[in-house]
Amino acid sequence: MAKSGNTGNVFDLGELRRLVDELGSGPREARAAVLDATSPDGKDCECPGCGTEVLSFPPVVLAPDDELAAAVLRVPLVLDAQRLAAWTGTREVTPEGLLPDPFLPCAELGVPNPARLHLLWVVAVNTGMVRISRGVATAGPLALSAELPSAALLGFWDGVVMDVLDRADDSLTGSSVVDDHLAEMLATMYAVSDGLSPATLVKGILQSHEVACEARPAEMRALTAALPGELQGALSLLGYCGLIELSGAGWPRLTPLGMWAVRQDLLREGHDAPTGAEVAVFADLGAAELVEAIMKRSAAPSAVTVWLESRSPEAAARELVKIAASGTAGQRGTVGTILEELGPEAEAPLREALSEPAMWRYAASWLHIRDLPAPALTPADSTWITVDTLASLIHLGNAPEAMCEFDMLEPGEDLVRVVEEMTSVDHPDTIAVLDLLGTHHSDAAVGKAARKAAMKARSR
């Protein structure tokens, strides 16, 4: 998020998932705020997209643009930045482009401290309220008014929030630990729009800090004691910035402007953060249409949640199994991803799928994972699934990702042996998979084994 606009994604996926899951009494869409959408670890892989974490957030309902635009002009931070710009007039600045005596405007404008003044100055300069040229600050080209188009005011607001959150790299809230994990906190509040208790926020920040920063026990004890008070100060500052307000229950939550701004940041980072209107169209699709939309990348992961919630688990699974049983590897791979979102309530259709030649291995695996009775899978079955998994990525046009997927199927396993065993399974895409591995795999031994296996498969 914009907390570190130059450093990329700062989410801790596992901790964010666990934090949201602990809200057990909340609605499903809140508890399922994070859906798997990438490989878990691509640090040793050079495939495009590996090593990133794409998060999928529940659909939100945003306030109308005209209401949001009007609210921008009432944000205390924005009002104070305007006052600072008017107070500055024409004034010399330091070589660094700062006011030479920050205490003077603090006193005259009632700004509490130089740190707050610096934040206001950054906003005023970066948004165009103030222009600096040749060591002199003058009035900038931006003159805020209610007469500006909503799009212009929201564009201005987007810039303000980026400036605010980028200050977390240099003490925004007064709490270094809150600053370090501000992105996770705001993303979690976005996922649970009704608000979170301060205790839950404290717990989430502590969890993220302990894991991500490898904090020692002594540091964690000190943070546990200090963080509740620091968080209150941080939430107050974020309220001043127009991002946080209190819910009817007295819990902090994002303001409508905060929801809009955090969503903009999530989209910039490549995350799936749709509005309700964007995904509502998928609720009434048939399973075949949904699978096709996902394969064509015209449906975001959040569309799956909406689709599943519009029908019973058993009905959804039955529709999906029918497609997978008679479809391509790409369709099976897509269906398999959707089925992972269903619990034991969908057992009946998956048990029926045990009689389908192209689907029974997946059905057995699905049942095993949920501790339900199912046939055991042999090593040959596992190899068939390996071929089908790689074939599905080829069907989806993700050949580079197939290399990563192959390396991660069985960590530490002899990949050459797996390749050699592929010729013994009856799968229609075996030769295509072997050709892919033989041409593109980075390990020369694996590539050689794949080419040899492909020749053997063709001779049959």
Protein backbone atom coordinates (compact mmCIF):
# COMPACT_ATOMS: atom_id res chain seq x y z
CA MET A 1 0.00 0.00 0.00
CA ALA A 2 0.96 3.64 -0.05
CA LYS A 3 2.57 3.28 3.33
CA SER A 4 5.64 2.36 1.36
CA GLY A 5 4.94 3.61 -2.09
CA ASN A 6 8.42 2.73 -3.25
CA THR A 7 8.80 -0.63 -1.57
CA GLY A 8 5.86 -2.64 -2.89
CA ASN A 9 3.62 -5.01 -1.04
CA VAL A 10 4.00 -5.01 2.75
CA PHE A 11 1.16 -7.36 3.69
CA ASP A 12 1.76 -10.40 5.86
CA LEU A 13 -0.78 -12.66 4.19
CA GLY A 14 -0.82 -15.35 6.87
CA GLU A 15 -1.25 -12.97 9.76
CA LEU A 16 -3.95 -10.96 7.98
CA ARG A 17 -5.82 -14.18 7.23
CA ARG A 18 -5.61 -15.37 10.85
CA LEU A 19 -6.67 -12.01 12.22
CA VAL A 20 -9.78 -11.85 10.05
CA ASP A 21 -10.60 -15.51 10.71
CA GLU A 22 -10.62 -14.78 14.45
CA LEU A 23 -13.67 -12.58 13.94
CA GLY A 24 -15.67 -15.82 13.91
CA SER A 25 -19.05 -14.21 14.60
CA GLY A 26 -18.80 -11.87 11.62
CA PRO A 27 -20.41 -12.46 8.22
CA ARG A 28 -18.77 -14.90 5.83
CA GLU A 29 -17.56 -12.23 3.46
CA ALA A 30 -15.73 -10.52 6.33
CA ARG A 31 -14.22 -13.71 7.68
CA ALA A 32 -13.14 -14.73 4.19
CA ALA A 33 -11.48 -11.42 3.42
CA VAL A 34 -8.40 -13.07 2.06
CA LEU A 35 -8.53 -15.75 -0.65
CA ASP A 36 -5.49 -17.57 -1.99
CA ALA A 37 -4.61 -16.21 -5.40
CA THR A 38 -0.86 -16.83 -5.77
CA SER A 39 1.84 -19.32 -5.06
CA PRO A 40 2.97 -19.30 -1.41
CA ASP A 41 6.66 -18.83 -2.04
CA GLY A 42 8.41 -17.79 -5.19
CA LYS A 43 11.60 -16.35 -3.75
CA ASP A 44 13.81 -18.75 -5.70
CA CYS A 45 11.78 -18.53 -8.89
CA GLU A 46 12.25 -16.02 -11.67
CA CYS A 47 8.79 -16.49 -13.15
CA PRO A 48 6.81 -13.28 -13.68
CA GLY A 49 4.50 -12.71 -10.75
CA CYS A 50 6.09 -15.27 -8.44
CA GLY A 51 7.01 -14.03 -4.99
CA THR A 52 4.03 -11.68 -4.83
CA GLU A 53 0.87 -11.94 -2.78
CA VAL A 54 -2.36 -10.94 -4.43
CA LEU A 55 -5.14 -10.52 -1.90
CA SER A 56 -8.85 -10.68 -2.65
CA PHE A 57 -11.09 -8.50 -0.51
CA PRO A 58 -14.85 -8.66 -0.03
CA PRO A 59 -16.93 -6.38 -2.24
CA VAL A 60 -17.68 -2.97 -0.75
CA VAL A 61 -20.35 -0.36 -1.32
CA LEU A 62 -18.81 3.08 -1.81
CA ALA A 63 -20.58 6.35 -1.20
CA PRO A 64 -21.55 8.32 -4.34
CA ASP A 65 -18.75 10.38 -5.84
CA ASP A 66 -20.47 13.70 -5.20
CA GLU A 67 -20.87 12.89 -1.49
CA LEU A 68 -17.25 11.81 -1.24
CA ALA A 69 -16.06 14.92 -3.05
CA ALA A 70 -18.02 17.18 -0.71
CA ALA A 71 -16.55 15.34 2.29
CA VAL A 72 -13.00 16.00 1.07
CA LEU A 73 -13.46 19.70 1.73
CA ARG A 74 -14.42 18.99 5.37
CA VAL A 75 -11.39 16.87 6.29
CA PRO A 76 -9.49 18.64 9.12
CA LEU A 77 -6.14 17.92 7.49
CA VAL A 78 -7.29 19.46 4.22
CA LEU A 79 -8.69 22.53 5.97
CA ASP A 80 -5.44 23.04 7.88
CA ALA A 81 -3.36 22.56 4.73
CA GLN A 82 -5.42 25.30 3.09
CA ARG A 83 -4.88 27.57 6.11
CA LEU A 84 -1.14 26.91 5.98
CA ALA A 85 -1.02 27.71 2.26
CA ALA A 86 -2.88 30.98 2.83
CA TRP A 87 -0.62 31.86 5.79
CA THR A 88 2.52 31.18 3.73
CA GLY A 89 1.65 33.66 1.00
CA THR A 90 5.01 34.52 -0.55
CA ARG A 91 7.84 33.38 1.71
CA GLU A 92 11.44 32.21 1.43
CA VAL A 93 12.10 28.55 2.23
CA THR A 94 15.19 26.54 3.12
CA PRO A 95 17.32 24.81 0.46
CA GLU A 96 15.32 21.67 1.29
CA GLY A 97 12.09 23.48 0.40
CA LEU A 98 10.86 23.75 4.02
CA LEU A 99 9.70 26.65 6.16
CA PRO A 100 12.71 28.10 8.01
CA ASP A 101 10.97 28.41 11.38
CA PRO A 102 8.27 25.76 11.83
CA PHE A 103 7.41 26.96 15.32
CA LEU A 104 6.09 30.29 14.02
CA PRO A 105 3.27 28.85 11.89
CA CYS A 106 2.58 26.29 14.61
CA ALA A 107 1.95 29.09 17.07
CA GLU A 108 0.00 31.32 14.70
CA LEU A 109 -2.13 28.55 13.21
CA GLY A 110 -2.62 26.48 16.34
CA VAL A 111 -0.83 23.43 14.88
CA PRO A 112 0.21 21.19 17.80
CA ASN A 113 3.80 20.45 16.80
CA PRO A 114 6.38 20.73 13.97
CA ALA A 115 5.75 17.11 12.95
CA ARG A 116 2.10 17.91 12.22
CA LEU A 117 3.16 21.08 10.43
CA HIS A 118 5.56 19.10 8.26
CA LEU A 119 2.74 16.76 7.25
CA LEU A 120 0.57 19.74 6.31
CA TRP A 121 3.45 21.29 4.36
CA VAL A 122 4.07 18.08 2.39
CA VAL A 123 0.37 17.89 1.49
CA ALA A 124 0.18 21.56 0.54
CA VAL A 125 3.26 21.41 -1.69
CA ASN A 126 2.64 18.01 -3.30
CA THR A 127 -0.99 18.73 -4.16
CA GLY A 128 -0.28 22.16 -5.65
CA MET A 129 -1.66 24.44 -2.94
CA VAL A 130 1.86 25.83 -2.59
CA ARG A 131 4.49 26.19 -5.32
CA ILE A 132 8.22 26.40 -4.58
CA SER A 133 10.55 28.00 -7.12
CA ARG A 134 14.08 29.31 -6.63
CA GLY A 135 13.84 29.19 -2.86
CA VAL A 136 10.50 30.99 -2.62
CA ALA A 137 7.10 29.56 -1.78
CA THR A 138 4.08 31.15 -3.45
CA ALA A 139 0.44 30.25 -4.02
CA GLY A 140 0.15 27.14 -6.17
CA PRO A 141 -2.17 26.36 -9.07
CA LEU A 142 -4.68 24.43 -6.95
CA ALA A 143 -7.57 26.39 -5.47
CA LEU A 144 -9.97 24.04 -3.70
CA SER A 145 -13.66 24.78 -3.94
CA ALA A 146 -16.99 23.00 -4.08
CA GLU A 147 -17.23 24.08 -7.71
CA LEU A 148 -14.52 21.64 -8.78
CA PRO A 149 -15.71 18.43 -10.49
CA SER A 150 -16.03 15.40 -8.23
CA ALA A 151 -13.33 13.60 -10.20
CA ALA A 152 -10.89 16.45 -9.57
CA LEU A 153 -11.59 16.53 -5.83
CA LEU A 154 -11.24 12.76 -5.54
CA GLY A 155 -8.00 12.87 -7.51
CA PHE A 156 -6.77 15.51 -5.06
CA TRP A 157 -7.89 13.31 -2.14
CA ASP A 158 -6.05 10.32 -3.56
CA GLY A 159 -2.86 12.37 -3.62
CA VAL A 160 -3.42 13.58 -0.07
CA VAL A 161 -3.76 10.04 1.25
CA MET A 162 -0.66 8.86 -0.58
CA ASP A 163 1.27 11.73 0.98
CA VAL A 164 -0.10 10.91 4.42
CA LEU A 165 0.63 7.19 4.30
CA ASP A 166 4.05 7.67 2.77
CA ARG A 167 4.93 9.62 5.92
CA ALA A 168 4.72 6.32 7.82
CA ASP A 169 8.29 5.73 6.67
CA ASP A 170 9.28 8.73 8.75
CA SER A 171 7.03 8.76 11.83
CA LEU A 172 3.44 9.50 10.88
CA THR A 173 1.44 8.35 13.88
CA GLY A 174 3.96 8.72 16.71
CA SER A 175 4.14 4.93 17.07
CA SER A 176 6.87 3.21 15.11
CA VAL A 177 5.17 -0.20 15.34
CA VAL A 178 1.85 1.18 14.08
CA ASP A 179 3.68 2.93 11.26
CA ASP A 180 5.45 -0.32 10.33
CA HIS A 181 2.18 -2.25 10.12
CA LEU A 182 -0.16 0.51 9.02
CA ALA A 183 -0.85 -1.20 5.69
CA GLU A 184 -2.01 -4.42 7.34
CA MET A 185 -4.17 -2.50 9.81
CA LEU A 186 -5.92 -0.42 7.17
CA ALA A 187 -6.39 -3.45 4.90
CA THR A 188 -7.97 -5.39 7.75
CA MET A 189 -10.30 -2.51 8.57
CA TYR A 190 -11.21 -2.36 4.88
CA ALA A 191 -12.02 -6.08 4.93
CA VAL A 192 -14.21 -5.72 8.01
CA SER A 193 -16.02 -2.50 7.21
CA ASP A 194 -18.19 -2.42 10.34
CA GLY A 195 -15.16 -1.75 12.52
CA LEU A 196 -12.76 -3.65 14.76
CA SER A 197 -12.21 -3.32 18.48
CA PRO A 198 -8.94 -1.69 19.56
CA ALA A 199 -8.04 -4.96 21.29
CA THR A 200 -8.35 -6.85 17.99
CA LEU A 201 -6.24 -4.25 16.20
CA VAL A 202 -3.58 -4.45 18.90
CA LYS A 203 -3.51 -8.24 18.66
CA GLY A 204 -3.19 -8.15 14.89
CA ILE A 205 -0.34 -5.63 14.95
CA LEU A 206 1.52 -7.62 17.61
CA GLN A 207 1.13 -10.84 15.61
CA SER A 208 2.39 -9.22 12.44
CA HIS A 209 5.30 -7.59 14.24
CA GLU A 210 6.39 -10.78 15.99
CA VAL A 211 6.43 -12.76 12.75
CA ALA A 212 7.54 -10.18 10.20
CA CYS A 213 10.13 -8.45 12.39
CA GLU A 214 11.29 -11.53 14.34
CA ALA A 215 10.83 -9.59 17.56
CA ARG A 216 12.42 -11.00 20.72
CA PRO A 217 10.32 -11.78 23.81
CA ALA A 218 11.55 -8.72 25.72
CA GLU A 219 10.56 -6.43 22.83
CA MET A 220 7.16 -8.09 22.56
CA ARG A 221 6.50 -7.62 26.28
CA ALA A 222 7.33 -3.93 26.02
CA LEU A 223 5.16 -3.52 22.92
CA THR A 224 2.25 -5.36 24.53
CA ALA A 225 2.29 -2.84 27.37
CA ALA A 226 2.80 0.28 25.24
CA LEU A 227 0.82 -0.44 22.07
CA PRO A 228 -2.75 0.12 23.36
CA GLY A 229 -1.92 3.70 24.29
CA GLU A 230 0.09 4.29 21.13
CA LEU A 231 -2.75 2.94 19.02
CA GLN A 232 -5.20 5.45 20.46
CA GLY A 233 -2.88 8.28 19.47
CA ALA A 234 -2.42 6.78 16.01
CA LEU A 235 -6.17 6.40 15.47
CA SER A 236 -6.67 10.01 16.55
CA LEU A 237 -4.14 11.18 13.96
CA LEU A 238 -5.75 9.03 11.25
CA GLY A 239 -9.12 10.52 12.21
CA TYR A 240 -7.66 14.01 11.77
CA CYS A 241 -6.50 12.86 8.32
CA GLY A 242 -10.05 11.84 7.39
CA LEU A 243 -9.40 8.09 7.28
CA ILE A 244 -10.83 6.77 10.56
CA GLU A 245 -14.06 7.32 12.48
CA LEU A 246 -15.92 5.52 15.26
CA SER A 247 -18.76 3.11 14.52
CA GLY A 248 -22.03 3.10 16.43
CA ALA A 249 -20.46 0.55 18.76
CA GLY A 250 -17.53 2.86 19.39
CA TRP A 251 -15.07 0.78 17.36
CA PRO A 252 -12.70 2.40 14.87
CA ARG A 253 -13.56 1.90 11.23
CA LEU A 254 -12.68 3.52 7.92
CA THR A 255 -14.63 6.60 6.94
CA PRO A 256 -16.35 6.56 3.53
CA LEU A 257 -13.37 8.59 2.27
CA GLY A 258 -11.04 6.11 3.94
CA MET A 259 -12.75 3.17 2.21
CA TRP A 260 -12.41 4.91 -1.13
CA ALA A 261 -8.75 5.79 -0.59
CA VAL A 262 -7.65 2.39 0.77
CA ARG A 263 -9.36 0.71 -2.17
CA GLN A 264 -7.41 2.93 -4.56
CA ASP A 265 -4.19 1.83 -2.87
CA LEU A 266 -5.15 -1.84 -2.99
CA LEU A 267 -5.89 -1.58 -6.70
CA ARG A 268 -2.56 0.14 -7.32
CA GLU A 269 -0.82 -2.76 -5.60
CA GLY A 270 -2.60 -5.21 -7.88
CA HIS A 271 -5.00 -6.63 -5.28
CA ASP A 272 -8.59 -7.65 -5.96
CA ALA A 273 -10.79 -5.04 -4.28
CA PRO A 274 -14.10 -4.86 -6.17
CA THR A 275 -17.24 -2.92 -5.49
CA GLY A 276 -20.48 -4.77 -4.92
CA ALA A 277 -21.78 -3.68 -8.32
CA GLU A 278 -18.71 -5.07 -10.08
CA VAL A 279 -19.21 -8.60 -8.76
CA ALA A 280 -23.01 -8.72 -8.48
CA VAL A 281 -23.23 -9.59 -12.17
CA PHE A 282 -21.52 -12.92 -11.49
CA ALA A 283 -24.07 -14.18 -8.95
CA ASP A 284 -26.56 -15.36 -11.58
CA LEU A 285 -24.08 -16.92 -13.99
CA GLY A 286 -24.12 -20.62 -14.57
CA ALA A 287 -21.08 -22.58 -13.45
CA ALA A 288 -19.84 -22.94 -17.03
CA GLU A 289 -20.03 -19.17 -17.56
CA LEU A 290 -18.22 -18.50 -14.28
CA VAL A 291 -15.42 -20.93 -15.09
CA GLU A 292 -15.04 -19.43 -18.56
CA ALA A 293 -14.90 -15.91 -17.12
CA ILE A 294 -12.20 -16.94 -14.64
CA MET A 295 -10.17 -18.66 -17.34
CA LYS A 296 -10.39 -15.53 -19.50
CA ARG A 297 -9.42 -13.40 -16.47
CA SER A 298 -12.58 -11.34 -16.79
CA ALA A 299 -13.77 -12.41 -13.32
CA ALA A 300 -11.86 -11.43 -10.19
CA PRO A 301 -11.42 -13.98 -7.37
CA SER A 302 -14.04 -12.16 -5.32
CA ALA A 303 -16.62 -13.10 -7.95
CA VAL A 304 -16.29 -16.69 -6.75
CA THR A 305 -17.40 -15.70 -3.25
CA VAL A 306 -20.46 -13.91 -4.59
CA TRP A 307 -21.31 -16.85 -6.86
CA LEU A 308 -21.00 -19.41 -4.05
CA GLU A 309 -23.11 -17.34 -1.67
CA SER A 310 -25.96 -17.23 -4.18
CA ARG A 311 -26.53 -21.02 -4.06
CA SER A 312 -26.22 -23.91 -1.63
CA PRO A 313 -22.82 -25.64 -1.31
CA GLU A 314 -24.27 -28.89 -2.65
CA ALA A 315 -25.86 -27.22 -5.69
CA ALA A 316 -22.69 -25.26 -6.44
CA ALA A 317 -20.49 -28.34 -6.18
CA ARG A 318 -22.79 -30.40 -8.41
CA GLU A 319 -22.66 -27.75 -11.15
CA LEU A 320 -18.89 -27.49 -10.91
CA VAL A 321 -18.22 -31.23 -10.86
CA LYS A 322 -20.27 -31.68 -14.04
CA ILE A 323 -18.01 -29.21 -15.86
CA ALA A 324 -14.77 -30.64 -14.50
CA ALA A 325 -15.72 -34.23 -15.27
CA SER A 326 -16.14 -33.56 -18.98
CA GLY A 327 -13.89 -30.54 -19.45
CA THR A 328 -10.25 -29.74 -20.13
CA ALA A 329 -7.42 -29.66 -17.62
CA GLY A 330 -7.80 -25.89 -17.53
CA GLN A 331 -11.45 -26.21 -16.54
CA ARG A 332 -10.60 -28.85 -13.94
CA GLY A 333 -7.92 -26.62 -12.45
CA THR A 334 -10.32 -23.69 -12.26
CA VAL A 335 -13.09 -25.81 -10.79
CA GLY A 336 -10.67 -27.28 -8.25
CA THR A 337 -9.77 -23.82 -7.02
CA ILE A 338 -13.44 -22.96 -6.52
CA LEU A 339 -14.24 -26.26 -4.80
CA GLU A 340 -11.54 -25.55 -2.22
CA GLU A 341 -13.79 -22.78 -0.89
CA LEU A 342 -16.52 -25.30 0.00
CA GLY A 343 -16.75 -27.26 3.23
CA PRO A 344 -18.13 -30.71 4.13
CA GLU A 345 -21.66 -29.52 3.22
CA ALA A 346 -20.70 -30.25 -0.40
CA GLU A 347 -19.73 -33.86 0.32
CA ALA A 348 -22.50 -35.58 -1.66
CA PRO A 349 -21.58 -34.24 -5.14
CA LEU A 350 -17.88 -34.84 -4.51
CA ARG A 351 -18.58 -38.40 -3.44
CA GLU A 352 -20.58 -38.91 -6.62
CA ALA A 353 -17.58 -37.59 -8.56
CA LEU A 354 -15.55 -40.59 -7.42
CA SER A 355 -17.10 -42.44 -10.38
CA GLU A 356 -15.83 -39.88 -12.93
CA PRO A 357 -12.53 -40.96 -14.61
CA ALA A 358 -11.17 -37.42 -15.00
CA MET A 359 -12.37 -36.15 -11.64
CA TRP A 360 -12.22 -38.94 -9.07
CA ARG A 361 -8.64 -38.23 -7.94
CA TYR A 362 -9.50 -34.62 -7.19
CA ALA A 363 -12.68 -35.69 -5.43
CA ALA A 364 -10.76 -38.20 -3.30
CA SER A 365 -8.19 -35.54 -2.38
CA TRP A 366 -10.97 -33.06 -1.53
CA LEU A 367 -12.62 -35.61 0.77
CA HIS A 368 -9.34 -36.59 2.43
CA ILE A 369 -8.47 -32.98 3.22
CA ARG A 370 -11.78 -32.63 5.04
CA ASP A 371 -11.26 -35.90 6.97
CA LEU A 372 -14.07 -37.62 5.10
CA PRO A 373 -13.88 -41.27 3.96
CA ALA A 374 -12.38 -41.62 0.48
CA PRO A 375 -10.27 -44.00 -1.65
CA ALA A 376 -6.52 -43.85 -1.13
CA LEU A 377 -4.43 -42.26 -3.86
CA THR A 378 -1.46 -44.21 -5.22
CA PRO A 379 1.83 -42.67 -6.38
CA ALA A 380 0.58 -43.11 -9.94
CA ASP A 381 -2.54 -41.09 -9.07
CA SER A 382 -0.35 -38.34 -7.67
CA THR A 383 1.67 -38.29 -10.89
CA TRP A 384 -1.56 -38.03 -12.91
CA ILE A 385 -2.60 -35.03 -10.81
CA THR A 386 0.85 -33.50 -11.40
CA VAL A 387 0.40 -33.80 -15.16
CA ASP A 388 -3.13 -32.44 -14.96
CA THR A 389 -2.04 -29.50 -12.81
CA LEU A 390 0.68 -28.51 -15.26
CA ALA A 391 -1.67 -29.06 -18.18
CA SER A 392 -4.23 -26.77 -16.60
CA LEU A 393 -1.68 -23.95 -16.45
CA ILE A 394 -0.81 -24.52 -20.10
CA HIS A 395 -4.52 -24.33 -20.99
CA LEU A 396 -4.74 -21.07 -19.05
CA GLY A 397 -1.75 -19.62 -20.88
CA ASN A 398 0.49 -19.64 -17.81
CA ALA A 399 3.47 -21.62 -19.09
CA PRO A 400 6.09 -19.72 -17.01
CA GLU A 401 3.99 -20.24 -13.90
CA ALA A 402 3.86 -23.94 -14.76
CA MET A 403 7.61 -24.09 -14.15
CA CYS A 404 7.14 -22.67 -10.67
CA GLU A 405 4.20 -24.97 -10.00
CA PHE A 406 6.22 -28.03 -10.99
CA ASP A 407 9.08 -27.07 -8.68
CA MET A 408 6.67 -26.68 -5.76
CA LEU A 409 4.54 -29.79 -6.17
CA GLU A 410 6.67 -31.95 -3.88
CA PRO A 411 9.47 -29.93 -2.23
CA GLY A 412 12.66 -31.95 -2.11
CA GLU A 413 11.36 -34.68 -4.43
CA ASP A 414 13.48 -35.92 -7.32
CA LEU A 415 11.92 -34.05 -10.23
CA VAL A 416 13.74 -36.17 -12.78
CA ARG A 417 12.04 -39.27 -11.36
CA VAL A 418 8.65 -37.52 -11.47
CA VAL A 419 9.20 -36.68 -15.14
CA GLU A 420 10.13 -40.25 -15.96
CA GLU A 421 6.98 -41.51 -14.24
CA MET A 422 4.76 -39.22 -16.33
CA THR A 423 5.02 -41.58 -19.31
CA SER A 424 3.29 -44.31 -17.31
CA VAL A 425 0.07 -42.38 -16.66
CA ASP A 426 -2.84 -42.25 -19.06
CA HIS A 427 -3.37 -38.51 -19.50
CA PRO A 428 -4.22 -36.81 -22.83
CA ASP A 429 -1.87 -33.88 -22.13
CA THR A 430 1.20 -35.86 -21.04
CA ILE A 431 3.20 -35.12 -24.20
CA ALA A 432 2.33 -31.40 -24.10
CA VAL A 433 3.49 -31.20 -20.48
CA LEU A 434 6.72 -33.07 -21.21
CA ASP A 435 7.41 -30.84 -24.21
CA LEU A 436 6.94 -27.78 -22.01
CA LEU A 437 9.31 -29.08 -19.36
CA GLY A 438 11.82 -30.19 -21.94
CA THR A 439 11.89 -26.77 -23.58
CA HIS A 440 11.57 -24.38 -20.67
CA HIS A 441 12.65 -25.96 -17.38
CA SER A 442 15.71 -24.24 -15.89
CA ASP A 443 17.24 -27.49 -14.57
CA ALA A 444 19.16 -29.12 -17.41
CA ALA A 445 18.67 -32.59 -15.94
CA VAL A 446 14.92 -32.13 -15.71
CA GLY A 447 14.75 -30.75 -19.24
CA LYS A 448 16.77 -33.66 -20.63
CA ALA A 449 14.62 -36.20 -18.79
CA ALA A 450 11.46 -34.51 -20.09
CA ARG A 451 12.64 -34.58 -23.72
CA LYS A 452 13.57 -38.23 -23.40
CA ALA A 453 10.23 -39.04 -21.77
CA ALA A 454 8.36 -37.15 -24.51
CA MET A 455 10.05 -39.29 -27.17
CA LYS A 456 9.13 -42.40 -25.26
CA ALA A 457 5.51 -41.26 -24.93
CA ARG A 458 5.26 -40.53 -28.66
CA SER A 459 6.64 -43.94 -29.55
CA ARG A 460 3.65 -45.47 -27.78
